[in-house]
PDB file of all heavy atoms in Angstrom:
ATOM      1  N   ASP A   1      55.380  -2.056  11.610  1.00  0.00           N
ATOM      2  CA  ASP A   1      54.545  -3.142  12.392  1.00  0.00           C
ATOM      3  C   ASP A   1      54.707  -4.574  11.846  1.00  0.00           C
ATOM      4  O   ASP A   1      53.750  -5.283  11.562  1.00  0.00           O
ATOM      5  CB  ASP A   1      53.104  -2.654  12.138  1.00  0.00           C
ATOM      6  CG  ASP A   1      52.754  -1.294  12.611  1.00  0.00           C
ATOM      7  OD1 ASP A   1      53.238  -1.133  13.796  1.00  0.00           O
ATOM      8  OD2 ASP A   1      51.926  -0.492  12.090  1.00  0.00           O
ATOM      9  N   GLY A   2      55.923  -4.907  11.720  1.00  0.00           N
ATOM     10  CA  GLY A   2      56.285  -6.248  11.305  1.00  0.00           C
ATOM     11  C   GLY A   2      56.289  -6.609   9.835  1.00  0.00           C
ATOM     12  O   GLY A   2      56.525  -7.718   9.374  1.00  0.00           O
ATOM     13  N   GLU A   3      56.023  -5.488   8.948  1.00  0.00           N
ATOM     14  CA  GLU A   3      55.814  -5.718   7.637  1.00  0.00           C
ATOM     15  C   GLU A   3      56.839  -4.820   6.885  1.00  0.00           C
ATOM     16  O   GLU A   3      57.200  -3.721   7.299  1.00  0.00           O
ATOM     17  CB  GLU A   3      54.403  -5.368   7.060  1.00  0.00           C
ATOM     18  CG  GLU A   3      53.298  -6.205   7.637  1.00  0.00           C
ATOM     19  CD  GLU A   3      53.270  -7.642   6.977  1.00  0.00           C
ATOM     20  OE1 GLU A   3      54.037  -7.856   6.021  1.00  0.00           O
ATOM     21  OE2 GLU A   3      52.521  -8.356   7.597  1.00  0.00           O
ATOM     22  N   TRP A   4      57.401  -5.472   5.774  1.00  0.00           N
ATOM     23  CA  TRP A   4      58.450  -4.743   5.032  1.00  0.00           C
ATOM     24  C   TRP A   4      57.863  -3.871   3.832  1.00  0.00           C
ATOM     25  O   TRP A   4      56.856  -4.316   3.248  1.00  0.00           O
ATOM     26  CB  TRP A   4      59.497  -5.592   4.426  1.00  0.00           C
ATOM     27  CG  TRP A   4      60.442  -6.050   5.503  1.00  0.00           C
ATOM     28  CD1 TRP A   4      60.432  -7.178   6.216  1.00  0.00           C
ATOM     29  CD2 TRP A   4      61.643  -5.365   5.909  1.00  0.00           C
ATOM     30  NE1 TRP A   4      61.463  -7.256   7.088  1.00  0.00           N
ATOM     31  CE2 TRP A   4      62.246  -6.090   6.920  1.00  0.00           C
ATOM     32  CE3 TRP A   4      62.143  -4.187   5.537  1.00  0.00           C
ATOM     33  CZ2 TRP A   4      63.351  -5.694   7.528  1.00  0.00           C
ATOM     34  CZ3 TRP A   4      63.293  -3.675   6.187  1.00  0.00           C
ATOM     35  CH2 TRP A   4      63.911  -4.460   7.205  1.00  0.00           C
ATOM     36  N   TYR A   5      58.315  -2.685   3.692  1.00  0.00           N
ATOM     37  CA  TYR A   5      57.820  -1.733   2.733  1.00  0.00           C
ATOM     38  C   TYR A   5      58.960  -1.231   1.819  1.00  0.00           C
ATOM     39  O   TYR A   5      60.138  -1.139   2.277  1.00  0.00           O
ATOM     40  CB  TYR A   5      57.102  -0.561   3.284  1.00  0.00           C
ATOM     41  CG  TYR A   5      55.790  -0.916   4.005  1.00  0.00           C
ATOM     42  CD1 TYR A   5      55.856  -1.571   5.316  1.00  0.00           C
ATOM     43  CD2 TYR A   5      54.620  -0.592   3.468  1.00  0.00           C
ATOM     44  CE1 TYR A   5      54.715  -1.940   5.896  1.00  0.00           C
ATOM     45  CE2 TYR A   5      53.469  -0.959   4.088  1.00  0.00           C
ATOM     46  CZ  TYR A   5      53.415  -1.557   5.350  1.00  0.00           C
ATOM     47  OH  TYR A   5      52.268  -1.941   5.928  1.00  0.00           O
ATOM     48  N   VAL A   6      58.542  -0.780   0.471  1.00  0.00           N
ATOM     49  CA  VAL A   6      59.600  -0.204  -0.325  1.00  0.00           C
ATOM     50  C   VAL A   6      59.223   1.302  -0.427  1.00  0.00           C
ATOM     51  O   VAL A   6      58.101   1.723  -0.618  1.00  0.00           O
ATOM     52  CB  VAL A   6      59.403  -0.769  -1.734  1.00  0.00           C
ATOM     53  CG1 VAL A   6      60.436  -0.257  -2.748  1.00  0.00           C
ATOM     54  CG2 VAL A   6      59.567  -2.344  -1.661  1.00  0.00           C
ATOM     55  N   MET A   7      60.238   2.090  -0.320  1.00  0.00           N
ATOM     56  CA  MET A   7      60.112   3.572  -0.515  1.00  0.00           C
ATOM     57  C   MET A   7      60.110   3.834  -2.145  1.00  0.00           C
ATOM     58  O   MET A   7      61.053   3.498  -2.845  1.00  0.00           O
ATOM     59  CB  MET A   7      61.217   4.325   0.126  1.00  0.00           C
ATOM     60  CG  MET A   7      60.952   5.858   0.159  1.00  0.00           C
ATOM     61  SD  MET A   7      62.193   6.937   0.813  1.00  0.00           S
ATOM     62  CE  MET A   7      63.330   6.989  -0.604  1.00  0.00           C
ATOM     63  N   GLU A   8      59.017   4.449  -2.548  1.00  0.00           N
ATOM     64  CA  GLU A   8      58.890   4.932  -3.922  1.00  0.00           C
ATOM     65  C   GLU A   8      58.925   6.419  -3.971  1.00  0.00           C
ATOM     66  O   GLU A   8      58.234   7.101  -3.208  1.00  0.00           O
ATOM     67  CB  GLU A   8      57.629   4.331  -4.537  1.00  0.00           C
ATOM     68  CG  GLU A   8      57.541   2.886  -4.564  1.00  0.00           C
ATOM     69  CD  GLU A   8      58.329   2.345  -5.747  1.00  0.00           C
ATOM     70  OE1 GLU A   8      59.031   3.081  -6.545  1.00  0.00           O
ATOM     71  OE2 GLU A   8      58.395   1.155  -6.016  1.00  0.00           O
ATOM     72  N   LYS A   9      59.707   6.933  -4.917  1.00  0.00           N
ATOM     73  CA  LYS A   9      59.687   8.445  -5.099  1.00  0.00           C
ATOM     74  C   LYS A   9      58.495   8.838  -5.987  1.00  0.00           C
ATOM     75  O   LYS A   9      58.146   8.146  -6.890  1.00  0.00           O
ATOM     76  CB  LYS A   9      60.930   8.779  -5.724  1.00  0.00           C
ATOM     77  CG  LYS A   9      62.186   8.722  -4.950  1.00  0.00           C
ATOM     78  CD  LYS A   9      63.439   9.263  -5.606  1.00  0.00           C
ATOM     79  CE  LYS A   9      64.692   9.003  -4.704  1.00  0.00           C
ATOM     80  NZ  LYS A   9      65.916   9.451  -5.433  1.00  0.00           N
ATOM     81  N   SER A  10      57.893   9.950  -5.655  1.00  0.00           N
ATOM     82  CA  SER A  10      56.708  10.423  -6.406  1.00  0.00           C
ATOM     83  C   SER A  10      57.212  10.965  -7.863  1.00  0.00           C
ATOM     84  O   SER A  10      58.342  11.149  -7.996  1.00  0.00           O
ATOM     85  CB  SER A  10      56.144  11.644  -5.675  1.00  0.00           C
ATOM     86  OG  SER A  10      55.711  11.143  -4.417  1.00  0.00           O
ATOM     87  N   LEU A  11      56.167  11.155  -8.619  1.00  0.00           N
ATOM     88  CA  LEU A  11      56.402  11.685 -10.016  1.00  0.00           C
ATOM     89  C   LEU A  11      55.708  13.010 -10.269  1.00  0.00           C
ATOM     90  O   LEU A  11      54.640  13.306  -9.856  1.00  0.00           O
ATOM     91  CB  LEU A  11      55.790  10.658 -11.047  1.00  0.00           C
ATOM     92  CG  LEU A  11      56.597   9.399 -11.148  1.00  0.00           C
ATOM     93  CD1 LEU A  11      55.769   8.385 -11.948  1.00  0.00           C
ATOM     94  CD2 LEU A  11      58.003   9.543 -11.755  1.00  0.00           C
ATOM     95  N   THR A  12      56.483  13.936 -10.914  1.00  0.00           N
ATOM     96  CA  THR A  12      55.844  15.090 -11.369  1.00  0.00           C
ATOM     97  C   THR A  12      56.269  15.307 -12.911  1.00  0.00           C
ATOM     98  O   THR A  12      57.150  14.505 -13.384  1.00  0.00           O
ATOM     99  CB  THR A  12      56.353  16.345 -10.639  1.00  0.00           C
ATOM    100  OG1 THR A  12      57.822  16.328 -10.647  1.00  0.00           O
ATOM    101  CG2 THR A  12      55.868  16.301  -9.148  1.00  0.00           C
ATOM    102  N   ALA A  13      55.586  16.174 -13.550  1.00  0.00           N
ATOM    103  CA  ALA A  13      55.914  16.314 -15.004  1.00  0.00           C
ATOM    104  C   ALA A  13      55.928  17.832 -15.337  1.00  0.00           C
ATOM    105  O   ALA A  13      55.313  18.712 -14.654  1.00  0.00           O
ATOM    106  CB  ALA A  13      54.866  15.671 -15.743  1.00  0.00           C
ATOM    107  N   ASP A  14      56.617  18.192 -16.343  1.00  0.00           N
ATOM    108  CA  ASP A  14      56.604  19.597 -16.883  1.00  0.00           C
ATOM    109  C   ASP A  14      55.243  19.909 -17.447  1.00  0.00           C
ATOM    110  O   ASP A  14      54.698  21.086 -17.175  1.00  0.00           O
ATOM    111  CB  ASP A  14      57.698  19.654 -17.974  1.00  0.00           C
ATOM    112  CG  ASP A  14      59.108  19.325 -17.471  1.00  0.00           C
ATOM    113  OD1 ASP A  14      59.515  19.952 -16.612  1.00  0.00           O
ATOM    114  OD2 ASP A  14      59.719  18.525 -18.090  1.00  0.00           O
ATOM    115  N   VAL A  15      54.621  18.981 -18.165  1.00  0.00           N
ATOM    116  CA  VAL A  15      53.371  19.273 -18.824  1.00  0.00           C
ATOM    117  C   VAL A  15      52.469  17.917 -18.585  1.00  0.00           C
ATOM    118  O   VAL A  15      52.922  16.866 -18.828  1.00  0.00           O
ATOM    119  CB  VAL A  15      53.442  19.549 -20.220  1.00  0.00           C
ATOM    120  CG1 VAL A  15      52.095  19.745 -20.943  1.00  0.00           C
ATOM    121  CG2 VAL A  15      54.322  20.748 -20.451  1.00  0.00           C
ATOM    122  N   ALA A  16      51.239  18.104 -18.306  1.00  0.00           N
ATOM    123  CA  ALA A  16      50.266  17.097 -18.226  1.00  0.00           C
ATOM    124  C   ALA A  16      49.273  17.288 -19.436  1.00  0.00           C
ATOM    125  O   ALA A  16      48.717  18.367 -19.718  1.00  0.00           O
ATOM    126  CB  ALA A  16      49.553  17.050 -16.964  1.00  0.00           C
ATOM    127  N   LEU A  17      48.957  16.184 -20.087  1.00  0.00           N
ATOM    128  CA  LEU A  17      47.965  16.125 -21.152  1.00  0.00           C
ATOM    129  C   LEU A  17      46.801  15.225 -20.795  1.00  0.00           C
ATOM    130  O   LEU A  17      47.107  14.010 -20.514  1.00  0.00           O
ATOM    131  CB  LEU A  17      48.570  15.706 -22.458  1.00  0.00           C
ATOM    132  CG  LEU A  17      49.798  16.411 -23.088  1.00  0.00           C
ATOM    133  CD1 LEU A  17      50.274  15.803 -24.277  1.00  0.00           C
ATOM    134  CD2 LEU A  17      49.524  17.919 -23.233  1.00  0.00           C
ATOM    135  N   VAL A  18      45.617  15.730 -20.549  1.00  0.00           N
ATOM    136  CA  VAL A  18      44.486  14.976 -20.058  1.00  0.00           C
ATOM    137  C   VAL A  18      43.333  15.086 -21.012  1.00  0.00           C
ATOM    138  O   VAL A  18      43.242  16.034 -21.715  1.00  0.00           O
ATOM    139  CB  VAL A  18      44.197  15.321 -18.605  1.00  0.00           C
ATOM    140  CG1 VAL A  18      45.410  15.115 -17.679  1.00  0.00           C
ATOM    141  CG2 VAL A  18      43.690  16.663 -18.477  1.00  0.00           C
ATOM    142  N   LYS A  19      42.404  14.140 -20.850  1.00  0.00           N
ATOM    143  CA  LYS A  19      41.143  14.193 -21.489  1.00  0.00           C
ATOM    144  C   LYS A  19      39.904  14.138 -20.551  1.00  0.00           C
ATOM    145  O   LYS A  19      39.895  13.273 -19.644  1.00  0.00           O
ATOM    146  CB  LYS A  19      41.059  12.831 -22.448  1.00  0.00           C
ATOM    147  CG  LYS A  19      39.713  12.594 -22.988  1.00  0.00           C
ATOM    148  CD  LYS A  19      39.253  13.546 -24.040  1.00  0.00           C
ATOM    149  CE  LYS A  19      37.836  13.267 -24.453  1.00  0.00           C
ATOM    150  NZ  LYS A  19      37.735  12.113 -25.273  1.00  0.00           N
ATOM    151  N   ALA A  20      39.002  15.019 -20.740  1.00  0.00           N
ATOM    152  CA  ALA A  20      37.828  15.187 -19.865  1.00  0.00           C
ATOM    153  C   ALA A  20      36.633  15.135 -20.831  1.00  0.00           C
ATOM    154  O   ALA A  20      36.588  15.471 -21.931  1.00  0.00           O
ATOM    155  CB  ALA A  20      37.845  16.383 -19.013  1.00  0.00           C
ATOM    156  N   TRP A  21      35.346  14.838 -20.159  1.00  0.00           N
ATOM    157  CA  TRP A  21      34.131  14.984 -20.895  1.00  0.00           C
ATOM    158  C   TRP A  21      33.640  16.334 -20.942  1.00  0.00           C
ATOM    159  O   TRP A  21      33.279  16.783 -22.135  1.00  0.00           O
ATOM    160  CB  TRP A  21      33.176  13.991 -20.149  1.00  0.00           C
ATOM    161  CG  TRP A  21      31.762  14.189 -20.631  1.00  0.00           C
ATOM    162  CD1 TRP A  21      31.350  14.296 -21.945  1.00  0.00           C
ATOM    163  CD2 TRP A  21      30.658  14.330 -19.748  1.00  0.00           C
ATOM    164  NE1 TRP A  21      29.907  14.526 -21.775  1.00  0.00           N
ATOM    165  CE2 TRP A  21      29.600  14.443 -20.562  1.00  0.00           C
ATOM    166  CE3 TRP A  21      30.384  14.251 -18.271  1.00  0.00           C
ATOM    167  CZ2 TRP A  21      28.160  14.566 -20.041  1.00  0.00           C
ATOM    168  CZ3 TRP A  21      29.223  14.504 -17.820  1.00  0.00           C
ATOM    169  CH2 TRP A  21      28.003  14.639 -18.685  1.00  0.00           C
ATOM    170  N   LYS A  22      33.591  17.041 -19.841  1.00  0.00           N
ATOM    171  CA  LYS A  22      33.003  18.404 -19.890  1.00  0.00           C
ATOM    172  C   LYS A  22      33.888  19.281 -18.992  1.00  0.00           C
ATOM    173  O   LYS A  22      34.525  18.924 -18.063  1.00  0.00           O
ATOM    174  CB  LYS A  22      31.568  18.318 -19.296  1.00  0.00           C
ATOM    175  CG  LYS A  22      30.810  19.512 -19.331  1.00  0.00           C
ATOM    176  CD  LYS A  22      29.381  19.390 -18.735  1.00  0.00           C
ATOM    177  CE  LYS A  22      28.536  18.528 -19.550  1.00  0.00           C
ATOM    178  NZ  LYS A  22      27.125  18.451 -19.028  1.00  0.00           N
ATOM    179  N   ALA A  23      33.944  20.641 -19.450  1.00  0.00           N
ATOM    180  CA  ALA A  23      34.589  21.667 -18.632  1.00  0.00           C
ATOM    181  C   ALA A  23      33.837  22.881 -18.763  1.00  0.00           C
ATOM    182  O   ALA A  23      33.056  23.105 -19.656  1.00  0.00           O
ATOM    183  CB  ALA A  23      35.979  21.833 -19.230  1.00  0.00           C
ATOM    184  N   ASP A  24      34.016  23.809 -17.808  1.00  0.00           N
ATOM    185  CA  ASP A  24      33.622  25.103 -17.804  1.00  0.00           C
ATOM    186  C   ASP A  24      34.734  26.019 -18.145  1.00  0.00           C
ATOM    187  O   ASP A  24      35.895  25.487 -18.138  1.00  0.00           O
ATOM    188  CB  ASP A  24      32.925  25.690 -16.559  1.00  0.00           C
ATOM    189  CG  ASP A  24      33.802  25.759 -15.293  1.00  0.00           C
ATOM    190  OD1 ASP A  24      35.025  25.652 -15.575  1.00  0.00           O
ATOM    191  OD2 ASP A  24      33.168  25.829 -14.286  1.00  0.00           O
ATOM    192  N   LYS A  25      34.581  27.211 -18.513  1.00  0.00           N
ATOM    193  CA  LYS A  25      35.563  28.072 -18.942  1.00  0.00           C
ATOM    194  C   LYS A  25      36.695  28.384 -17.958  1.00  0.00           C
ATOM    195  O   LYS A  25      37.765  28.896 -18.245  1.00  0.00           O
ATOM    196  CB  LYS A  25      35.011  29.405 -19.581  1.00  0.00           C
ATOM    197  CG  LYS A  25      34.325  29.133 -20.894  1.00  0.00           C
ATOM    198  CD  LYS A  25      33.826  30.367 -21.497  1.00  0.00           C
ATOM    199  CE  LYS A  25      33.066  30.120 -22.821  1.00  0.00           C
ATOM    200  NZ  LYS A  25      32.548  31.312 -23.483  1.00  0.00           N
ATOM    201  N   ALA A  26      36.449  28.086 -16.661  1.00  0.00           N
ATOM    202  CA  ALA A  26      37.476  28.148 -15.617  1.00  0.00           C
ATOM    203  C   ALA A  26      38.322  27.039 -15.544  1.00  0.00           C
ATOM    204  O   ALA A  26      39.348  27.107 -14.744  1.00  0.00           O
ATOM    205  CB  ALA A  26      36.734  28.501 -14.206  1.00  0.00           C
ATOM    206  N   GLY A  27      38.087  25.972 -16.198  1.00  0.00           N
ATOM    207  CA  GLY A  27      38.815  24.809 -16.248  1.00  0.00           C
ATOM    208  C   GLY A  27      38.422  23.734 -15.307  1.00  0.00           C
ATOM    209  O   GLY A  27      39.095  22.787 -15.296  1.00  0.00           O
ATOM    210  N   ASN A  28      37.300  23.728 -14.691  1.00  0.00           N
ATOM    211  CA  ASN A  28      36.781  22.849 -13.832  1.00  0.00           C
ATOM    212  C   ASN A  28      36.307  21.532 -14.705  1.00  0.00           C
ATOM    213  O   ASN A  28      35.662  21.862 -15.704  1.00  0.00           O
ATOM    214  CB  ASN A  28      35.539  23.198 -12.990  1.00  0.00           C
ATOM    215  CG  ASN A  28      35.904  24.346 -12.062  1.00  0.00           C
ATOM    216  OD1 ASN A  28      36.784  24.229 -11.178  1.00  0.00           O
ATOM    217  ND2 ASN A  28      35.286  25.528 -12.222  1.00  0.00           N
ATOM    218  N   LEU A  29      36.734  20.408 -14.411  1.00  0.00           N
ATOM    219  CA  LEU A  29      36.589  19.249 -15.262  1.00  0.00           C
ATOM    220  C   LEU A  29      35.703  18.177 -14.619  1.00  0.00           C
ATOM    221  O   LEU A  29      35.599  17.871 -13.438  1.00  0.00           O
ATOM    222  CB  LEU A  29      37.981  18.480 -15.600  1.00  0.00           C
ATOM    223  CG  LEU A  29      38.950  19.450 -16.248  1.00  0.00           C
ATOM    224  CD1 LEU A  29      40.248  18.619 -16.477  1.00  0.00           C
ATOM    225  CD2 LEU A  29      38.578  20.156 -17.472  1.00  0.00           C
ATOM    226  N   LEU A  30      34.904  17.593 -15.561  1.00  0.00           N
ATOM    227  CA  LEU A  30      34.143  16.309 -15.313  1.00  0.00           C
ATOM    228  C   LEU A  30      34.589  15.289 -16.229  1.00  0.00           C
ATOM    229  O   LEU A  30      34.747  15.505 -17.435  1.00  0.00           O
ATOM    230  CB  LEU A  30      32.579  16.552 -15.471  1.00  0.00           C
ATOM    231  CG  LEU A  30      31.765  17.109 -14.261  1.00  0.00           C
ATOM    232  CD1 LEU A  30      32.124  18.641 -14.210  1.00  0.00           C
ATOM    233  CD2 LEU A  30      30.333  17.092 -14.608  1.00  0.00           C
ATOM    234  N   PHE A  31      34.915  13.994 -15.719  1.00  0.00           N
ATOM    235  CA  PHE A  31      35.311  12.893 -16.495  1.00  0.00           C
ATOM    236  C   PHE A  31      34.014  11.991 -16.685  1.00  0.00           C
ATOM    237  O   PHE A  31      33.263  11.846 -15.670  1.00  0.00           O
ATOM    238  CB  PHE A  31      36.435  12.206 -15.883  1.00  0.00           C
ATOM    239  CG  PHE A  31      37.640  13.207 -15.697  1.00  0.00           C
ATOM    240  CD1 PHE A  31      37.774  13.827 -14.531  1.00  0.00           C
ATOM    241  CD2 PHE A  31      38.492  13.395 -16.706  1.00  0.00           C
ATOM    242  CE1 PHE A  31      38.924  14.725 -14.361  1.00  0.00           C
ATOM    243  CE2 PHE A  31      39.555  14.197 -16.585  1.00  0.00           C
ATOM    244  CZ  PHE A  31      39.865  14.744 -15.450  1.00  0.00           C
ATOM    245  N   ARG A  32      34.006  11.210 -17.702  1.00  0.00           N
ATOM    246  CA  ARG A  32      32.946  10.301 -17.847  1.00  0.00           C
ATOM    247  C   ARG A  32      33.220   8.955 -17.590  1.00  0.00           C
ATOM    248  O   ARG A  32      34.100   8.310 -18.165  1.00  0.00           O
ATOM    249  CB  ARG A  32      32.390  10.422 -19.366  1.00  0.00           C
ATOM    250  CG  ARG A  32      31.109   9.579 -19.554  1.00  0.00           C
ATOM    251  CD  ARG A  32      30.397   9.959 -20.876  1.00  0.00           C
ATOM    252  NE  ARG A  32      29.342   9.230 -21.257  1.00  0.00           N
ATOM    253  CZ  ARG A  32      28.204   9.301 -20.642  1.00  0.00           C
ATOM    254  NH1 ARG A  32      27.897  10.171 -19.663  1.00  0.00           N
ATOM    255  NH2 ARG A  32      27.199   8.515 -20.875  1.00  0.00           N
TER     256      ARG A  32
END
């Protein structure tokens, strides 16, 4: 539509390390 764009490749990882506020034992997460 008349505008120029750059193609960016997505990212994946072998392992993700994250921090959450609260979780249940099934792994459902809430962040604060």
